[in-house]
Amino acid sequence: MTSLTLALVAHDAKKDDMADFVATHEHEIGAFTLFATGTTGGRVMERCPSLQVTRLKSGPLGGDQQIGAMIAEGRIDALFFFVDPLSPHPHDVDVKALMRLALVYNIPMALNRATADRLIASWG
């Protein structure tokens, strides 16, 4: 089986949850090619130093758009985007554009840990 490519994004209040999730599933996620927005990727790499994560720009500096472009180019197979629905986000337009692209290109998208757990289990 060809390695799948997984994009990891998390709002500030969900970055630790993303790092915990990846650590919990480190063995399974290690089989993926990983891309992440800058700060999220840094947190994941701190928590799971054995994983190779290609870090893009921070979300507000264009990282969301970089991942969106990769989705449009067919380079991302799934998006795990842990969303914080209780805080305002100054780059909300970029966030919505990223989610829209995942929908348009019909790639699996987990917006919370429960959905990400089920997707990982389905690929196991």
PDB file of N, CA and C in Angstrom:
ATOM      1  N   MET A   1       0.839  -1.186   0.000  1.00  0.00           N
ATOM      2  CA  MET A   1       0.000   0.000   0.000  1.00  0.00           C
ATOM      3  C   MET A   1       0.881   1.246   0.000  1.00  0.00           C
ATOM      4  N   THR A   2       0.528   2.218  -0.799  1.00  0.00           N
ATOM      5  CA  THR A   2       1.249   3.472  -0.856  1.00  0.00           C
ATOM      6  C   THR A   2       0.973   4.264   0.412  1.00  0.00           C
ATOM      7  N   SER A   3       1.985   4.963   0.885  1.00  0.00           N
ATOM      8  CA  SER A   3       1.826   5.789   2.078  1.00  0.00           C
ATOM      9  C   SER A   3       0.823   6.906   1.822  1.00  0.00           C
ATOM     10  N   LEU A   4      -0.091   7.087   2.747  1.00  0.00           N
ATOM     11  CA  LEU A   4      -1.045   8.183   2.658  1.00  0.00           C
ATOM     12  C   LEU A   4      -0.420   9.450   3.233  1.00  0.00           C
ATOM     13  N   THR A   5      -0.901  10.586   2.765  1.00  0.00           N
ATOM     14  CA  THR A   5      -0.409  11.874   3.252  1.00  0.00           C
ATOM     15  C   THR A   5      -1.481  12.509   4.118  1.00  0.00           C
ATOM     16  N   LEU A   6      -1.075  12.882   5.312  1.00  0.00           N
ATOM     17  CA  LEU A   6      -1.983  13.431   6.319  1.00  0.00           C
ATOM     18  C   LEU A   6      -1.539  14.849   6.669  1.00  0.00           C
ATOM     19  N   ALA A   7      -2.489  15.785   6.659  1.00  0.00           N
ATOM     20  CA  ALA A   7      -2.222  17.158   7.081  1.00  0.00           C
ATOM     21  C   ALA A   7      -2.772  17.360   8.492  1.00  0.00           C
ATOM     22  N   LEU A   8      -1.971  17.978   9.347  1.00  0.00           N
ATOM     23  CA  LEU A   8      -2.345  18.239  10.737  1.00  0.00           C
ATOM     24  C   LEU A   8      -2.399  19.740  10.981  1.00  0.00           C
ATOM     25  N   VAL A   9      -3.539  20.187  11.495  1.00  0.00           N
ATOM     26  CA  VAL A   9      -3.753  21.594  11.818  1.00  0.00           C
ATOM     27  C   VAL A   9      -4.520  21.623  13.127  1.00  0.00           C
ATOM     28  N   ALA A  10      -4.222  22.597  13.993  1.00  0.00           N
ATOM     29  CA  ALA A  10      -4.985  22.728  15.240  1.00  0.00           C
ATOM     30  C   ALA A  10      -5.005  24.184  15.674  1.00  0.00           C
ATOM     31  N   HIS A  11      -6.159  24.632  16.088  1.00  0.00           N
ATOM     32  CA  HIS A  11      -6.249  25.958  16.694  1.00  0.00           C
ATOM     33  C   HIS A  11      -5.442  25.964  17.992  1.00  0.00           C
ATOM     34  N   ASP A  12      -5.074  27.147  18.472  1.00  0.00           N
ATOM     35  CA  ASP A  12      -4.200  27.263  19.643  1.00  0.00           C
ATOM     36  C   ASP A  12      -4.670  26.432  20.831  1.00  0.00           C
ATOM     37  N   ALA A  13      -5.947  26.502  21.154  1.00  0.00           N
ATOM     38  CA  ALA A  13      -6.465  25.784  22.327  1.00  0.00           C
ATOM     39  C   ALA A  13      -6.521  24.274  22.117  1.00  0.00           C
ATOM     40  N   LYS A  14      -6.278  23.809  20.885  1.00  0.00           N
ATOM     41  CA  LYS A  14      -6.349  22.379  20.566  1.00  0.00           C
ATOM     42  C   LYS A  14      -4.997  21.776  20.191  1.00  0.00           C
ATOM     43  N   LYS A  15      -3.927  22.571  20.244  1.00  0.00           N
ATOM     44  CA  LYS A  15      -2.607  22.063  19.850  1.00  0.00           C
ATOM     45  C   LYS A  15      -2.125  20.940  20.765  1.00  0.00           C
ATOM     46  N   ASP A  16      -2.330  21.089  22.073  1.00  0.00           N
ATOM     47  CA  ASP A  16      -1.926  20.014  22.988  1.00  0.00           C
ATOM     48  C   ASP A  16      -2.756  18.756  22.752  1.00  0.00           C
ATOM     49  N   ASP A  17      -4.041  18.928  22.445  1.00  0.00           N
ATOM     50  CA  ASP A  17      -4.900  17.786  22.141  1.00  0.00           C
ATOM     51  C   ASP A  17      -4.399  17.069  20.882  1.00  0.00           C
ATOM     52  N   MET A  18      -3.968  17.830  19.886  1.00  0.00           N
ATOM     53  CA  MET A  18      -3.432  17.223  18.666  1.00  0.00           C
ATOM     54  C   MET A  18      -2.156  16.447  18.981  1.00  0.00           C
ATOM     55  N   ALA A  19      -1.265  17.043  19.771  1.00  0.00           N
ATOM     56  CA  ALA A  19      -0.020  16.357  20.126  1.00  0.00           C
ATOM     57  C   ALA A  19      -0.314  15.084  20.916  1.00  0.00           C
ATOM     58  N   ASP A  20      -1.276  15.144  21.829  1.00  0.00           N
ATOM     59  CA  ASP A  20      -1.679  13.948  22.594  1.00  0.00           C
ATOM     60  C   ASP A  20      -2.258  12.881  21.668  1.00  0.00           C
ATOM     61  N   PHE A  21      -3.103  13.300  20.748  1.00  0.00           N
ATOM     62  CA  PHE A  21      -3.709  12.365  19.794  1.00  0.00           C
ATOM     63  C   PHE A  21      -2.623  11.661  18.980  1.00  0.00           C
ATOM     64  N   VAL A  22      -1.701  12.438  18.433  1.00  0.00           N
ATOM     65  CA  VAL A  22      -0.638  11.842  17.617  1.00  0.00           C
ATOM     66  C   VAL A  22       0.208  10.898  18.460  1.00  0.00           C
ATOM     67  N   ALA A  23       0.519  11.278  19.695  1.00  0.00           N
ATOM     68  CA  ALA A  23       1.306  10.403  20.567  1.00  0.00           C
ATOM     69  C   ALA A  23       0.564   9.097  20.843  1.00  0.00           C
ATOM     70  N   THR A  24      -0.737   9.179  21.047  1.00  0.00           N
ATOM     71  CA  THR A  24      -1.543   7.982  21.290  1.00  0.00           C
ATOM     72  C   THR A  24      -1.509   7.036  20.092  1.00  0.00           C
ATOM     73  N   HIS A  25      -1.468   7.599  18.895  1.00  0.00           N
ATOM     74  CA  HIS A  25      -1.519   6.803  17.659  1.00  0.00           C
ATOM     75  C   HIS A  25      -0.188   6.873  16.895  1.00  0.00           C
ATOM     76  N   GLU A  26       0.904   7.074  17.617  1.00  0.00           N
ATOM     77  CA  GLU A  26       2.197   7.305  16.968  1.00  0.00           C
ATOM     78  C   GLU A  26       2.571   6.185  15.992  1.00  0.00           C
ATOM     79  N   HIS A  27       2.322   4.947  16.379  1.00  0.00           N
ATOM     80  CA  HIS A  27       2.684   3.828  15.504  1.00  0.00           C
ATOM     81  C   HIS A  27       1.915   3.896  14.182  1.00  0.00           C
ATOM     82  N   GLU A  28       0.609   4.101  14.255  1.00  0.00           N
ATOM     83  CA  GLU A  28      -0.209   4.160  13.048  1.00  0.00           C
ATOM     84  C   GLU A  28       0.113   5.393  12.211  1.00  0.00           C
ATOM     85  N   ILE A  29       0.265   6.541  12.884  1.00  0.00           N
ATOM     86  CA  ILE A  29       0.512   7.797  12.176  1.00  0.00           C
ATOM     87  C   ILE A  29       1.909   7.813  11.560  1.00  0.00           C
ATOM     88  N   GLY A  30       2.826   7.049  12.134  1.00  0.00           N
ATOM     89  CA  GLY A  30       4.173   6.956  11.578  1.00  0.00           C
ATOM     90  C   GLY A  30       4.199   6.390  10.169  1.00  0.00           C
ATOM     91  N   ALA A  31       3.143   5.709   9.766  1.00  0.00           N
ATOM     92  CA  ALA A  31       3.070   5.152   8.416  1.00  0.00           C
ATOM     93  C   ALA A  31       2.664   6.208   7.384  1.00  0.00           C
ATOM     94  N   PHE A  32       2.213   7.373   7.832  1.00  0.00           N
ATOM     95  CA  PHE A  32       1.774   8.439   6.943  1.00  0.00           C
ATOM     96  C   PHE A  32       2.931   9.375   6.615  1.00  0.00           C
ATOM     97  N   THR A  33       2.837  10.036   5.485  1.00  0.00           N
ATOM     98  CA  THR A  33       3.656  11.212   5.209  1.00  0.00           C
ATOM     99  C   THR A  33       2.911  12.365   5.863  1.00  0.00           C
ATOM    100  N   LEU A  34       3.597  13.126   6.709  1.00  0.00           N
ATOM    101  CA  LEU A  34       2.925  14.145   7.523  1.00  0.00           C
ATOM    102  C   LEU A  34       3.326  15.567   7.120  1.00  0.00           C
ATOM    103  N   PHE A  35       2.326  16.410   7.000  1.00  0.00           N
ATOM    104  CA  PHE A  35       2.502  17.842   6.831  1.00  0.00           C
ATOM    105  C   PHE A  35       1.702  18.512   7.934  1.00  0.00           C
ATOM    106  N   ALA A  36       2.189  19.649   8.422  1.00  0.00           N
ATOM    107  CA  ALA A  36       1.464  20.372   9.472  1.00  0.00           C
ATOM    108  C   ALA A  36       1.758  21.854   9.362  1.00  0.00           C
ATOM    109  N   THR A  37       0.814  22.647   9.844  1.00  0.00           N
ATOM    110  CA  THR A  37       1.102  24.066   9.974  1.00  0.00           C
ATOM    111  C   THR A  37       2.193  24.214  11.029  1.00  0.00           C
ATOM    112  N   GLY A  38       2.904  25.332  11.005  1.00  0.00           N
ATOM    113  CA  GLY A  38       4.130  25.502  11.771  1.00  0.00           C
ATOM    114  C   GLY A  38       4.095  25.173  13.244  1.00  0.00           C
ATOM    115  N   THR A  39       3.246  25.840  13.994  1.00  0.00           N
ATOM    116  CA  THR A  39       3.222  25.642  15.438  1.00  0.00           C
ATOM    117  C   THR A  39       2.668  24.267  15.795  1.00  0.00           C
ATOM    118  N   THR A  40       1.639  23.838  15.101  1.00  0.00           N
ATOM    119  CA  THR A  40       1.091  22.506  15.351  1.00  0.00           C
ATOM    120  C   THR A  40       2.155  21.445  15.077  1.00  0.00           C
ATOM    121  N   GLY A  41       2.844  21.565  13.967  1.00  0.00           N
ATOM    122  CA  GLY A  41       3.908  20.622  13.639  1.00  0.00           C
ATOM    123  C   GLY A  41       5.011  20.610  14.681  1.00  0.00           C
ATOM    124  N   GLY A  42       5.346  21.787  15.199  1.00  0.00           N
ATOM    125  CA  GLY A  42       6.358  21.870  16.249  1.00  0.00           C
ATOM    126  C   GLY A  42       5.935  21.137  17.508  1.00  0.00           C
ATOM    127  N   ARG A  43       4.695  21.310  17.905  1.00  0.00           N
ATOM    128  CA  ARG A  43       4.189  20.620  19.102  1.00  0.00           C
ATOM    129  C   ARG A  43       4.198  19.107  18.910  1.00  0.00           C
ATOM    130  N   VAL A  44       3.784  18.664  17.735  1.00  0.00           N
ATOM    131  CA  VAL A  44       3.760  17.223  17.455  1.00  0.00           C
ATOM    132  C   VAL A  44       5.182  16.668  17.483  1.00  0.00           C
ATOM    133  N   MET A  45       6.127  17.368  16.893  1.00  0.00           N
ATOM    134  CA  MET A  45       7.509  16.900  16.853  1.00  0.00           C
ATOM    135  C   MET A  45       8.143  16.881  18.244  1.00  0.00           C
ATOM    136  N   GLU A  46       7.801  17.856  19.086  1.00  0.00           N
ATOM    137  CA  GLU A  46       8.290  17.856  20.475  1.00  0.00           C
ATOM    138  C   GLU A  46       7.795  16.622  21.210  1.00  0.00           C
ATOM    139  N   ARG A  47       6.540  16.308  21.006  1.00  0.00           N
ATOM    140  CA  ARG A  47       5.906  15.179  21.705  1.00  0.00           C
ATOM    141  C   ARG A  47       6.302  13.832  21.123  1.00  0.00           C
ATOM    142  N   CYS A  48       6.539  13.790  19.823  1.00  0.00           N
ATOM    143  CA  CYS A  48       6.838  12.530  19.112  1.00  0.00           C
ATOM    144  C   CYS A  48       8.074  12.730  18.234  1.00  0.00           C
ATOM    145  N   PRO A  49       9.263  12.780  18.841  1.00  0.00           N
ATOM    146  CA  PRO A  49      10.470  13.080  18.070  1.00  0.00           C
ATOM    147  C   PRO A  49      10.807  12.047  16.996  1.00  0.00           C
ATOM    148  N   SER A  50      10.230  10.863  17.074  1.00  0.00           N
ATOM    149  CA  SER A  50      10.519   9.845  16.063  1.00  0.00           C
ATOM    150  C   SER A  50       9.789  10.103  14.748  1.00  0.00           C
ATOM    151  N   LEU A  51       8.768  10.956  14.769  1.00  0.00           N
ATOM    152  CA  LEU A  51       7.988  11.221  13.558  1.00  0.00           C
ATOM    153  C   LEU A  51       8.632  12.318  12.720  1.00  0.00           C
ATOM    154  N   GLN A  52       8.566  12.144  11.419  1.00  0.00           N
ATOM    155  CA  GLN A  52       9.027  13.185  10.504  1.00  0.00           C
ATOM    156  C   GLN A  52       7.811  13.980  10.044  1.00  0.00           C
ATOM    157  N   VAL A  53       7.824  15.255  10.368  1.00  0.00           N
ATOM    158  CA  VAL A  53       6.717  16.148  10.010  1.00  0.00           C
ATOM    159  C   VAL A  53       7.287  17.293   9.192  1.00  0.00           C
ATOM    160  N   THR A  54       6.754  17.502   8.015  1.00  0.00           N
ATOM    161  CA  THR A  54       7.140  18.671   7.221  1.00  0.00           C
ATOM    162  C   THR A  54       6.303  19.833   7.714  1.00  0.00           C
ATOM    163  N   ARG A  55       7.001  20.813   8.298  1.00  0.00           N
ATOM    164  CA  ARG A  55       6.307  21.979   8.847  1.00  0.00           C
ATOM    165  C   ARG A  55       6.188  23.055   7.786  1.00  0.00           C
ATOM    166  N   LEU A  56       4.982  23.554   7.638  1.00  0.00           N
ATOM    167  CA  LEU A  56       4.712  24.658   6.737  1.00  0.00           C
ATOM    168  C   LEU A  56       4.656  25.939   7.561  1.00  0.00           C
ATOM    169  N   LYS A  57       4.207  27.009   6.980  1.00  0.00           N
ATOM    170  CA  LYS A  57       4.083  28.257   7.736  1.00  0.00           C
ATOM    171  C   LYS A  57       2.999  28.112   8.806  1.00  0.00           C
ATOM    172  N   SER A  58       3.055  28.965   9.797  1.00  0.00           N
ATOM    173  CA  SER A  58       2.002  29.030  10.794  1.00  0.00           C
ATOM    174  C   SER A  58       0.693  29.368  10.077  1.00  0.00           C
ATOM    175  N   GLY A  59      -0.423  28.891  10.630  1.00  0.00           N
ATOM    176  CA  GLY A  59      -1.728  29.123   9.996  1.00  0.00           C
ATOM    177  C   GLY A  59      -1.989  30.565   9.610  1.00  0.00           C
ATOM    178  N   PRO A  60      -1.870  31.516  10.555  1.00  0.00           N
ATOM    179  CA  PRO A  60      -2.161  32.908  10.216  1.00  0.00           C
ATOM    180  C   PRO A  60      -1.191  33.507   9.191  1.00  0.00           C
ATOM    181  N   LEU A  61      -0.032  32.870   9.010  1.00  0.00           N
ATOM    182  CA  LEU A  61       0.959  33.379   8.059  1.00  0.00           C
ATOM    183  C   LEU A  61       0.900  32.658   6.718  1.00  0.00           C
ATOM    184  N   GLY A  62      -0.142  31.841   6.515  1.00  0.00           N
ATOM    185  CA  GLY A  62      -0.327  31.200   5.226  1.00  0.00           C
ATOM    186  C   GLY A  62      -0.270  29.688   5.240  1.00  0.00           C
ATOM    187  N   GLY A  63      -0.029  29.070   6.381  1.00  0.00           N
ATOM    188  CA  GLY A  63       0.054  27.613   6.454  1.00  0.00           C
ATOM    189  C   GLY A  63      -1.239  26.922   6.052  1.00  0.00           C
ATOM    190  N   ASP A  64      -2.378  27.499   6.460  1.00  0.00           N
ATOM    191  CA  ASP A  64      -3.680  26.942   6.061  1.00  0.00           C
ATOM    192  C   ASP A  64      -3.803  26.960   4.538  1.00  0.00           C
ATOM    193  N   GLN A  65      -3.361  28.049   3.933  1.00  0.00           N
ATOM    194  CA  GLN A  65      -3.445  28.177   2.487  1.00  0.00           C
ATOM    195  C   GLN A  65      -2.482  27.223   1.788  1.00  0.00           C
ATOM    196  N   GLN A  66      -1.306  26.999   2.377  1.00  0.00           N
ATOM    197  CA  GLN A  66      -0.379  26.028   1.788  1.00  0.00           C
ATOM    198  C   GLN A  66      -1.005  24.627   1.764  1.00  0.00           C
ATOM    199  N   ILE A  67      -1.623  24.247   2.871  1.00  0.00           N
ATOM    200  CA  ILE A  67      -2.278  22.937   2.919  1.00  0.00           C
ATOM    201  C   ILE A  67      -3.445  22.905   1.941  1.00  0.00           C
ATOM    202  N   GLY A  68      -4.198  23.981   1.853  1.00  0.00           N
ATOM    203  CA  GLY A  68      -5.289  24.045   0.882  1.00  0.00           C
ATOM    204  C   GLY A  68      -4.790  23.849  -0.542  1.00  0.00           C
ATOM    205  N   ALA A  69      -3.681  24.461  -0.872  1.00  0.00           N
ATOM    206  CA  ALA A  69      -3.104  24.284  -2.211  1.00  0.00           C
ATOM    207  C   ALA A  69      -2.703  22.832  -2.440  1.00  0.00           C
ATOM    208  N   MET A  70      -2.149  22.196  -1.412  1.00  0.00           N
ATOM    209  CA  MET A  70      -1.759  20.791  -1.536  1.00  0.00           C
ATOM    210  C   MET A  70      -2.984  19.898  -1.740  1.00  0.00           C
ATOM    211  N   ILE A  71      -4.085  20.238  -1.078  1.00  0.00           N
ATOM    212  CA  ILE A  71      -5.331  19.490  -1.279  1.00  0.00           C
ATOM    213  C   ILE A  71      -5.779  19.642  -2.734  1.00  0.00           C
ATOM    214  N   ALA A  72      -5.769  20.874  -3.240  1.00  0.00           N
ATOM    215  CA  ALA A  72      -6.203  21.132  -4.616  1.00  0.00           C
ATOM    216  C   ALA A  72      -5.312  20.423  -5.631  1.00  0.00           C
ATOM    217  N   GLU A  73      -4.052  20.218  -5.285  1.00  0.00           N
ATOM    218  CA  GLU A  73      -3.108  19.532  -6.178  1.00  0.00           C
ATOM    219  C   GLU A  73      -3.178  18.011  -6.031  1.00  0.00           C
ATOM    220  N   GLY A  74      -4.023  17.520  -5.125  1.00  0.00           N
ATOM    221  CA  GLY A  74      -4.138  16.074  -4.928  1.00  0.00           C
ATOM    222  C   GLY A  74      -3.014  15.472  -4.111  1.00  0.00           C
ATOM    223  N   ARG A  75      -2.332  16.292  -3.305  1.00  0.00           N
ATOM    224  CA  ARG A  75      -1.179  15.832  -2.536  1.00  0.00           C
ATOM    225  C   ARG A  75      -1.511  15.480  -1.089  1.00  0.00           C
ATOM    226  N   ILE A  76      -2.746  15.710  -0.651  1.00  0.00           N
ATOM    227  CA  ILE A  76      -3.168  15.411   0.723  1.00  0.00           C
ATOM    228  C   ILE A  76      -4.311  14.401   0.655  1.00  0.00           C
ATOM    229  N   ASP A  77      -4.190  13.328   1.431  1.00  0.00           N
ATOM    230  CA  ASP A  77      -5.220  12.279   1.439  1.00  0.00           C
ATOM    231  C   ASP A  77      -6.243  12.461   2.560  1.00  0.00           C
ATOM    232  N   ALA A  78      -5.850  13.156   3.634  1.00  0.00           N
ATOM    233  CA  ALA A  78      -6.763  13.374   4.763  1.00  0.00           C
ATOM    234  C   ALA A  78      -6.305  14.604   5.536  1.00  0.00           C
ATOM    235  N   LEU A  79      -7.260  15.258   6.166  1.00  0.00           N
ATOM    236  CA  LEU A  79      -6.994  16.447   6.960  1.00  0.00           C
ATOM    237  C   LEU A  79      -7.515  16.231   8.369  1.00  0.00           C
ATOM    238  N   PHE A  80      -6.646  16.369   9.344  1.00  0.00           N
ATOM    239  CA  PHE A  80      -7.055  16.374  10.747  1.00  0.00           C
ATOM    240  C   PHE A  80      -6.882  17.803  11.230  1.00  0.00           C
ATOM    241  N   PHE A  81      -7.985  18.472  11.461  1.00  0.00           N
ATOM    242  CA  PHE A  81      -7.982  19.885  11.840  1.00  0.00           C
ATOM    243  C   PHE A  81      -8.775  20.006  13.130  1.00  0.00           C
ATOM    244  N   PHE A  82      -8.085  20.043  14.256  1.00  0.00           N
ATOM    245  CA  PHE A  82      -8.764  20.138  15.544  1.00  0.00           C
ATOM    246  C   PHE A  82      -9.164  21.589  15.771  1.00  0.00           C
ATOM    247  N   VAL A  83     -10.453  21.828  15.690  1.00  0.00           N
ATOM    248  CA  VAL A  83     -11.038  23.166  15.711  1.00  0.00           C
ATOM    249  C   VAL A  83     -11.453  23.538  17.126  1.00  0.00           C
ATOM    250  N   ASP A  84     -11.188  24.783  17.494  1.00  0.00           N
ATOM    251  CA  ASP A  84     -11.675  25.335  18.761  1.00  0.00           C
ATOM    252  C   ASP A  84     -12.894  26.197  18.437  1.00  0.00           C
ATOM    253  N   PRO A  85     -14.094  25.691  18.673  1.00  0.00           N
ATOM    254  CA  PRO A  85     -15.291  26.446  18.296  1.00  0.00           C
ATOM    255  C   PRO A  85     -15.643  27.571  19.268  1.00  0.00           C
ATOM    256  N   LEU A  86     -14.912  27.676  20.375  1.00  0.00           N
ATOM    257  CA  LEU A  86     -15.288  28.646  21.410  1.00  0.00           C
ATOM    258  C   LEU A  86     -14.447  29.920  21.405  1.00  0.00           C
ATOM    259  N   SER A  87     -13.471  30.020  20.508  1.00  0.00           N
ATOM    260  CA  SER A  87     -12.610  31.203  20.467  1.00  0.00           C
ATOM    261  C   SER A  87     -12.673  31.844  19.089  1.00  0.00           C
ATOM    262  N   PRO A  88     -12.567  33.175  19.051  1.00  0.00           N
ATOM    263  CA  PRO A  88     -12.509  33.849  17.744  1.00  0.00           C
ATOM    264  C   PRO A  88     -11.146  33.610  17.089  1.00  0.00           C
ATOM    265  N   HIS A  89     -11.120  33.574  15.772  1.00  0.00           N
ATOM    266  CA  HIS A  89      -9.882  33.337  15.042  1.00  0.00           C
ATOM    267  C   HIS A  89      -9.735  34.419  13.985  1.00  0.00           C
ATOM    268  N   PRO A  90      -8.654  35.219  14.086  1.00  0.00           N
ATOM    269  CA  PRO A  90      -8.498  36.341  13.162  1.00  0.00           C
ATOM    270  C   PRO A  90      -8.357  35.911  11.704  1.00  0.00           C
ATOM    271  N   HIS A  91      -7.896  34.693  11.470  1.00  0.00           N
ATOM    272  CA  HIS A  91      -7.748  34.217  10.083  1.00  0.00           C
ATOM    273  C   HIS A  91      -8.853  33.217   9.728  1.00  0.00           C
ATOM    274  N   ASP A  92     -10.051  33.483  10.240  1.00  0.00           N
ATOM    275  CA  ASP A  92     -11.190  32.579  10.053  1.00  0.00           C
ATOM    276  C   ASP A  92     -11.519  32.349   8.576  1.00  0.00           C
ATOM    277  N   VAL A  93     -11.290  33.342   7.741  1.00  0.00           N
ATOM    278  CA  VAL A  93     -11.552  33.194   6.309  1.00  0.00           C
ATOM    279  C   VAL A  93     -10.662  32.095   5.728  1.00  0.00           C
ATOM    280  N   ASP A  94      -9.394  32.056   6.140  1.00  0.00           N
ATOM    281  CA  ASP A  94      -8.466  31.026   5.665  1.00  0.00           C
ATOM    282  C   ASP A  94      -8.892  29.645   6.156  1.00  0.00           C
ATOM    283  N   VAL A  95      -9.337  29.591   7.404  1.00  0.00           N
ATOM    284  CA  VAL A  95      -9.786  28.326   7.996  1.00  0.00           C
ATOM    285  C   VAL A  95     -10.983  27.782   7.205  1.00  0.00           C
ATOM    286  N   LYS A  96     -11.943  28.641   6.922  1.00  0.00           N
ATOM    287  CA  LYS A  96     -13.119  28.213   6.163  1.00  0.00           C
ATOM    288  C   LYS A  96     -12.736  27.782   4.746  1.00  0.00           C
ATOM    289  N   ALA A  97     -11.785  28.473   4.145  1.00  0.00           N
ATOM    290  CA  ALA A  97     -11.341  28.102   2.800  1.00  0.00           C
ATOM    291  C   ALA A  97     -10.690  26.722   2.817  1.00  0.00           C
ATOM    292  N   LEU A  98      -9.920  26.426   3.846  1.00  0.00           N
ATOM    293  CA  LEU A  98      -9.276  25.117   3.962  1.00  0.00           C
ATOM    294  C   LEU A  98     -10.327  24.016   4.097  1.00  0.00           C
ATOM    295  N   MET A  99     -11.286  24.213   4.955  1.00  0.00           N
ATOM    296  CA  MET A  99     -12.341  23.209   5.126  1.00  0.00           C
ATOM    297  C   MET A  99     -13.162  23.058   3.840  1.00  0.00           C
ATOM    298  N   ARG A 100     -13.414  24.153   3.157  1.00  0.00           N
ATOM    299  CA  ARG A 100     -14.148  24.105   1.896  1.00  0.00           C
ATOM    300  C   ARG A 100     -13.401  23.251   0.870  1.00  0.00           C
ATOM    301  N   LEU A 101     -12.086  23.420   0.778  1.00  0.00           N
ATOM    302  CA  LEU A 101     -11.307  22.623  -0.175  1.00  0.00           C
ATOM    303  C   LEU A 101     -11.346  21.136   0.162  1.00  0.00           C
ATOM    304  N   ALA A 102     -11.288  20.816   1.442  1.00  0.00           N
ATOM    305  CA  ALA A 102     -11.383  19.407   1.839  1.00  0.00           C
ATOM    306  C   ALA A 102     -12.730  18.833   1.411  1.00  0.00           C
ATOM    307  N   LEU A 103     -13.776  19.624   1.515  1.00  0.00           N
ATOM    308  CA  LEU A 103     -15.105  19.183   1.080  1.00  0.00           C
ATOM    309  C   LEU A 103     -15.180  19.062  -0.441  1.00  0.00           C
ATOM    310  N   VAL A 104     -14.676  20.068  -1.151  1.00  0.00           N
ATOM    311  CA  VAL A 104     -14.724  20.073  -2.613  1.00  0.00           C
ATOM    312  C   VAL A 104     -13.975  18.875  -3.193  1.00  0.00           C
ATOM    313  N   TYR A 105     -12.803  18.575  -2.614  1.00  0.00           N
ATOM    314  CA  TYR A 105     -11.974  17.486  -3.137  1.00  0.00           C
ATOM    315  C   TYR A 105     -12.256  16.145  -2.456  1.00  0.00           C
ATOM    316  N   ASN A 106     -13.290  16.129  -1.613  1.00  0.00           N
ATOM    317  CA  ASN A 106     -13.797  14.888  -1.032  1.00  0.00           C
ATOM    318  C   ASN A 106     -12.729  14.079  -0.307  1.00  0.00           C
ATOM    319  N   ILE A 107     -11.949  14.773   0.541  1.00  0.00           N
ATOM    320  CA  ILE A 107     -10.975  14.036   1.341  1.00  0.00           C
ATOM    321  C   ILE A 107     -11.515  13.915   2.767  1.00  0.00           C
ATOM    322  N   PRO A 108     -11.184  12.833   3.453  1.00  0.00           N
ATOM    323  CA  PRO A 108     -11.623  12.691   4.843  1.00  0.00           C
ATOM    324  C   PRO A 108     -11.069  13.851   5.678  1.00  0.00           C
ATOM    325  N   MET A 109     -11.948  14.389   6.534  1.00  0.00           N
ATOM    326  CA  MET A 109     -11.568  15.523   7.373  1.00  0.00           C
ATOM    327  C   MET A 109     -12.115  15.292   8.773  1.00  0.00           C
ATOM    328  N   ALA A 110     -11.199  15.252   9.738  1.00  0.00           N
ATOM    329  CA  ALA A 110     -11.599  15.122  11.135  1.00  0.00           C
ATOM    330  C   ALA A 110     -11.439  16.479  11.799  1.00  0.00           C
ATOM    331  N   LEU A 111     -12.523  16.996  12.357  1.00  0.00           N
ATOM    332  CA  LEU A 111     -12.474  18.298  13.019  1.00  0.00           C
ATOM    333  C   LEU A 111     -12.353  18.170  14.534  1.00  0.00           C
ATOM    334  N   ASN A 112     -12.389  16.931  15.041  1.00  0.00           N
ATOM    335  CA  ASN A 112     -12.211  16.709  16.473  1.00  0.00           C
ATOM    336  C   ASN A 112     -11.550  15.351  16.693  1.00  0.00           C
ATOM    337  N   ARG A 113     -11.162  15.104  17.918  1.00  0.00           N
ATOM    338  CA  ARG A 113     -10.421  13.888  18.239  1.00  0.00           C
ATOM    339  C   ARG A 113     -11.254  12.615  18.040  1.00  0.00           C
ATOM    340  N   ALA A 114     -12.527  12.668  18.352  1.00  0.00           N
ATOM    341  CA  ALA A 114     -13.368  11.482  18.211  1.00  0.00           C
ATOM    342  C   ALA A 114     -13.406  11.013  16.759  1.00  0.00           C
ATOM    343  N   THR A 115     -13.550  11.950  15.827  1.00  0.00           N
ATOM    344  CA  THR A 115     -13.582  11.590  14.417  1.00  0.00           C
ATOM    345  C   THR A 115     -12.212  11.109  13.950  1.00  0.00           C
ATOM    346  N   ALA A 116     -11.157  11.775  14.407  1.00  0.00           N
ATOM    347  CA  ALA A 116      -9.795  11.358  14.036  1.00  0.00           C
ATOM    348  C   ALA A 116      -9.500   9.945  14.538  1.00  0.00           C
ATOM    349  N   ASP A 117      -9.929   9.628  15.763  1.00  0.00           N
ATOM    350  CA  ASP A 117      -9.755   8.271  16.295  1.00  0.00           C
ATOM    351  C   ASP A 117     -10.405   7.242  15.386  1.00  0.00           C
ATOM    352  N   ARG A 118     -11.614   7.533  14.943  1.00  0.00           N
ATOM    353  CA  ARG A 118     -12.337   6.580  14.081  1.00  0.00           C
ATOM    354  C   ARG A 118     -11.692   6.442  12.708  1.00  0.00           C
ATOM    355  N   LEU A 119     -11.197   7.542  12.168  1.00  0.00           N
ATOM    356  CA  LEU A 119     -10.520   7.454  10.864  1.00  0.00           C
ATOM    357  C   LEU A 119      -9.240   6.615  10.980  1.00  0.00           C
ATOM    358  N   ILE A 120      -8.463   6.865  12.020  1.00  0.00           N
ATOM    359  CA  ILE A 120      -7.232   6.085  12.220  1.00  0.00           C
ATOM    360  C   ILE A 120      -7.579   4.600  12.369  1.00  0.00           C
ATOM    361  N   ALA A 121      -8.601   4.301  13.133  1.00  0.00           N
ATOM    362  CA  ALA A 121      -9.015   2.906  13.328  1.00  0.00           C
ATOM    363  C   ALA A 121      -9.435   2.277  12.005  1.00  0.00           C
ATOM    364  N   SER A 122     -10.069   3.041  11.135  1.00  0.00           N
ATOM    365  CA  SER A 122     -10.530   2.494   9.853  1.00  0.00           C
ATOM    366  C   SER A 122      -9.376   2.180   8.919  1.00  0.00           C
ATOM    367  N   TRP A 123      -8.246   2.845   9.103  1.00  0.00           N
ATOM    368  CA  TRP A 123      -7.082   2.615   8.237  1.00  0.00           C
ATOM    369  C   TRP A 123      -6.149   1.554   8.799  1.00  0.00           C
ATOM    370  N   GLY A 124      -6.434   1.069  10.013  1.00  0.00           N
ATOM    371  CA  GLY A 124      -5.533   0.137  10.687  1.00  0.00           C
ATOM    372  C   GLY A 124      -5.493  -1.226  10.152  1.00  0.00           C
TER     373      GLY A 124
END
